[in-house]
């Protein structure tokens, strides 16, 4: 396999890991709703959210901290931007359903991930795969931060804002 092929496979692997971790956190929050941007939401208050922003800390022998932003939730044009650190290295992923593009932060620069349509579809599906896992975790969440453990991963979700106004420019490098 040539270097480009190896690099693409490595990027896809990293993306899937990051997307699944983020999807798990986002899924729980998305299952609740509120019509206005807020950090204090009644039970099941974000079920119909169209956008959400939160910070996520994941630990499992390493620590990942991310700022997660989602727009157009529940549509084919979903947009996602995750930026943070993984073991003190900058990481990031932008997924833009409207443009059907994915970018990864590599060496401080955003690089488009060039994959087949089938692989892109799989990556978009991976984003939603973790939604069911967290449904029960935040079913009683009303405000503040939420922590839970799934497998060997410990999650902390905080600074949650429901239905923030997120400019489309956030979802393009």
Protein backbone atom coordinates (compact mmCIF):
# COMPACT_ATOMS: atom_id res chain seq x y z
CA UNK A 1 0.00 0.00 0.00
CA UNK A 2 1.34 3.46 -0.81
CA UNK A 3 1.80 6.22 1.78
CA UNK A 4 -1.34 8.07 0.68
CA UNK A 5 -3.42 4.91 1.22
CA UNK A 6 -1.85 4.28 4.62
CA UNK A 7 -2.40 7.87 5.64
CA UNK A 8 -6.06 7.75 4.56
CA UNK A 9 -6.66 4.56 6.56
CA UNK A 10 -4.99 6.11 9.63
CA UNK A 11 -7.04 9.29 9.28
CA UNK A 12 -10.26 7.31 8.95
CA UNK A 13 -9.37 5.30 12.06
CA UNK A 14 -8.74 8.46 14.07
CA UNK A 15 -11.89 10.08 12.75
CA UNK A 16 -14.04 7.10 13.66
CA UNK A 17 -12.70 7.10 17.23
CA UNK A 18 -13.21 10.82 17.65
CA UNK A 19 -16.64 10.74 16.01
CA UNK A 20 -17.89 7.86 18.13
CA UNK A 21 -16.71 9.50 21.36
CA UNK A 22 -18.35 12.75 20.38
CA UNK A 23 -21.50 11.03 19.17
CA UNK A 24 -21.91 9.31 22.50
CA UNK A 25 -21.80 12.61 24.31
CA UNK A 26 -23.88 14.50 21.78
CA UNK A 27 -26.46 11.77 21.54
CA UNK A 28 -27.44 12.06 25.14
CA UNK A 29 -27.71 15.79 25.00
CA UNK A 30 -29.62 15.79 21.73
CA UNK A 31 -32.29 13.63 23.33
CA UNK A 32 -33.41 16.64 25.31
CA UNK A 33 -34.57 20.10 24.06
CA UNK A 34 -35.17 23.79 24.59
CA UNK A 35 -36.22 26.56 22.18
CA UNK A 36 -33.72 29.14 23.44
CA UNK A 37 -29.99 28.90 24.04
CA UNK A 38 -29.57 28.03 27.71
CA UNK A 39 -27.42 26.16 30.19
CA UNK A 40 -30.37 25.26 32.44
CA UNK A 41 -32.78 22.88 30.73
CA UNK A 42 -35.78 21.02 32.12
CA UNK A 43 -35.87 17.21 31.97
CA UNK A 44 -36.08 16.10 28.33
CA UNK A 45 -35.58 19.75 27.43
CA UNK A 46 -33.22 19.24 24.48
CA UNK A 47 -35.02 16.46 22.56
CA UNK A 48 -35.81 18.81 19.69
CA UNK A 49 -32.62 20.86 19.75
CA UNK A 50 -31.46 22.00 16.34
CA UNK A 51 -28.01 23.01 17.60
CA UNK A 52 -25.90 22.38 20.66
CA UNK A 53 -22.49 23.26 22.02
CA UNK A 54 -20.70 21.63 24.95
CA UNK A 55 -17.31 20.69 26.28
CA UNK A 56 -16.37 17.06 26.69
CA UNK A 57 -13.67 15.39 28.74
CA UNK A 58 -13.00 11.70 28.08
CA UNK A 59 -10.50 9.69 30.10
CA UNK A 60 -9.25 6.14 29.63
CA UNK A 61 -5.54 6.06 30.34
CA UNK A 62 -5.36 9.29 28.37
CA UNK A 63 -7.39 12.47 28.52
CA UNK A 64 -9.22 14.08 25.63
CA UNK A 65 -10.77 17.53 26.02
CA UNK A 66 -13.00 18.81 23.23
CA UNK A 67 -15.24 21.70 22.37
CA UNK A 68 -18.12 20.14 20.44
CA UNK A 69 -20.53 22.06 18.23
CA UNK A 70 -23.46 20.62 16.26
CA UNK A 71 -25.89 22.34 13.91
CA UNK A 72 -28.86 21.11 11.87
CA UNK A 73 -29.35 18.20 14.26
CA UNK A 74 -31.78 15.61 12.96
CA UNK A 75 -31.29 16.54 9.31
CA UNK A 76 -29.19 15.22 6.45
CA UNK A 77 -27.32 18.52 6.56
CA UNK A 78 -25.99 18.00 10.06
CA UNK A 79 -22.79 19.87 10.80
CA UNK A 80 -20.28 19.01 13.49
CA UNK A 81 -17.05 20.62 14.66
CA UNK A 82 -14.89 19.03 17.34
CA UNK A 83 -11.67 20.65 18.48
CA UNK A 84 -9.53 19.80 21.42
CA UNK A 85 -6.53 17.99 22.77
CA UNK A 86 -5.63 14.34 23.02
CA UNK A 87 -2.60 13.70 25.20
CA UNK A 88 -1.58 17.35 24.78
CA UNK A 89 -1.83 17.23 20.98
CA UNK A 90 -4.33 19.36 19.05
CA UNK A 91 -7.03 17.29 17.36
CA UNK A 92 -10.08 18.29 15.38
CA UNK A 93 -12.73 17.09 12.99
CA UNK A 94 -15.29 18.99 10.92
CA UNK A 95 -18.15 17.06 9.38
CA UNK A 96 -20.41 19.01 7.01
CA UNK A 97 -23.49 17.12 5.85
CA UNK A 98 -24.58 19.92 3.54
CA UNK A 99 -21.29 19.81 1.62
CA UNK A 100 -20.74 16.06 2.25
CA UNK A 101 -17.18 16.80 3.37
CA UNK A 102 -14.98 15.86 6.29
CA UNK A 103 -11.84 17.68 7.43
CA UNK A 104 -9.24 16.72 10.01
CA UNK A 105 -6.82 18.95 11.88
CA UNK A 106 -3.37 17.64 10.98
CA UNK A 107 -0.19 19.38 12.12
CA UNK A 108 -2.15 22.54 12.88
CA UNK A 109 -3.86 22.70 9.47
CA UNK A 110 -7.28 21.56 8.31
CA UNK A 111 -7.01 18.87 5.63
CA UNK A 112 -9.94 17.46 3.67
CA UNK A 113 -10.32 13.73 4.17
CA UNK A 114 -10.66 12.24 0.73
CA UNK A 115 -12.58 9.00 0.95
CA UNK A 116 -15.08 7.15 -1.21
CA UNK A 117 -18.76 8.01 -0.88
CA UNK A 118 -19.32 4.67 0.86
CA UNK A 119 -16.63 5.38 3.44
CA UNK A 120 -17.95 8.91 3.95
CA UNK A 121 -21.42 7.46 4.53
CA UNK A 122 -19.98 5.05 7.08
CA UNK A 123 -18.27 7.91 8.91
CA UNK A 124 -21.51 9.89 8.97
CA UNK A 125 -23.29 6.80 10.36
CA UNK A 126 -20.57 6.40 13.01
CA UNK A 127 -21.48 9.86 14.25
CA UNK A 128 -24.99 8.70 15.08
CA UNK A 129 -24.02 5.23 16.33
CA UNK A 130 -23.42 6.32 19.91
CA UNK A 131 -26.75 8.08 20.38
CA UNK A 132 -28.52 5.14 22.00
CA UNK A 133 -25.76 4.57 24.56
CA UNK A 134 -26.24 7.90 26.27
CA UNK A 135 -30.02 8.10 26.11
CA UNK A 136 -30.34 6.75 29.61
CA UNK A 137 -27.35 8.68 30.91
CA UNK A 138 -28.90 12.12 30.51
CA UNK A 139 -32.54 11.17 30.84
CA UNK A 140 -32.63 12.94 34.21
CA UNK A 141 -30.16 15.73 33.33
CA UNK A 142 -31.52 19.22 33.90
CA UNK A 143 -28.54 21.55 34.21
CA UNK A 144 -24.85 21.80 35.01
CA UNK A 145 -22.40 19.09 34.11
CA UNK A 146 -22.97 15.39 33.77
CA UNK A 147 -20.49 12.58 34.33
CA UNK A 148 -20.77 8.88 33.61
CA UNK A 149 -18.72 5.83 32.78
CA UNK A 150 -19.23 3.53 29.80
CA UNK A 151 -16.88 0.58 29.58
CA UNK A 152 -13.43 1.86 30.51
CA UNK A 153 -14.24 5.41 29.44
CA UNK A 154 -15.15 8.18 31.90
CA UNK A 155 -17.11 11.07 30.39
CA UNK A 156 -17.64 14.58 31.70
CA UNK A 157 -19.98 16.84 29.71
CA UNK A 158 -20.11 20.49 30.78
CA UNK A 159 -20.73 24.07 29.61
CA UNK A 160 -23.76 22.80 27.71
CA UNK A 161 -25.62 25.37 25.61
CA UNK A 162 -28.80 24.30 23.84
CA UNK A 163 -29.77 25.93 20.52
CA UNK A 164 -26.89 28.40 20.31
CA UNK A 165 -26.59 30.40 17.11
CA UNK A 166 -23.70 28.74 15.28
CA UNK A 167 -22.45 30.43 12.13
CA UNK A 168 -22.01 28.20 9.08
CA UNK A 169 -18.41 29.38 8.83
CA UNK A 170 -17.60 27.21 11.88
CA UNK A 171 -18.20 24.13 9.78
CA UNK A 172 -15.73 24.97 7.02
CA UNK A 173 -12.00 25.26 7.73
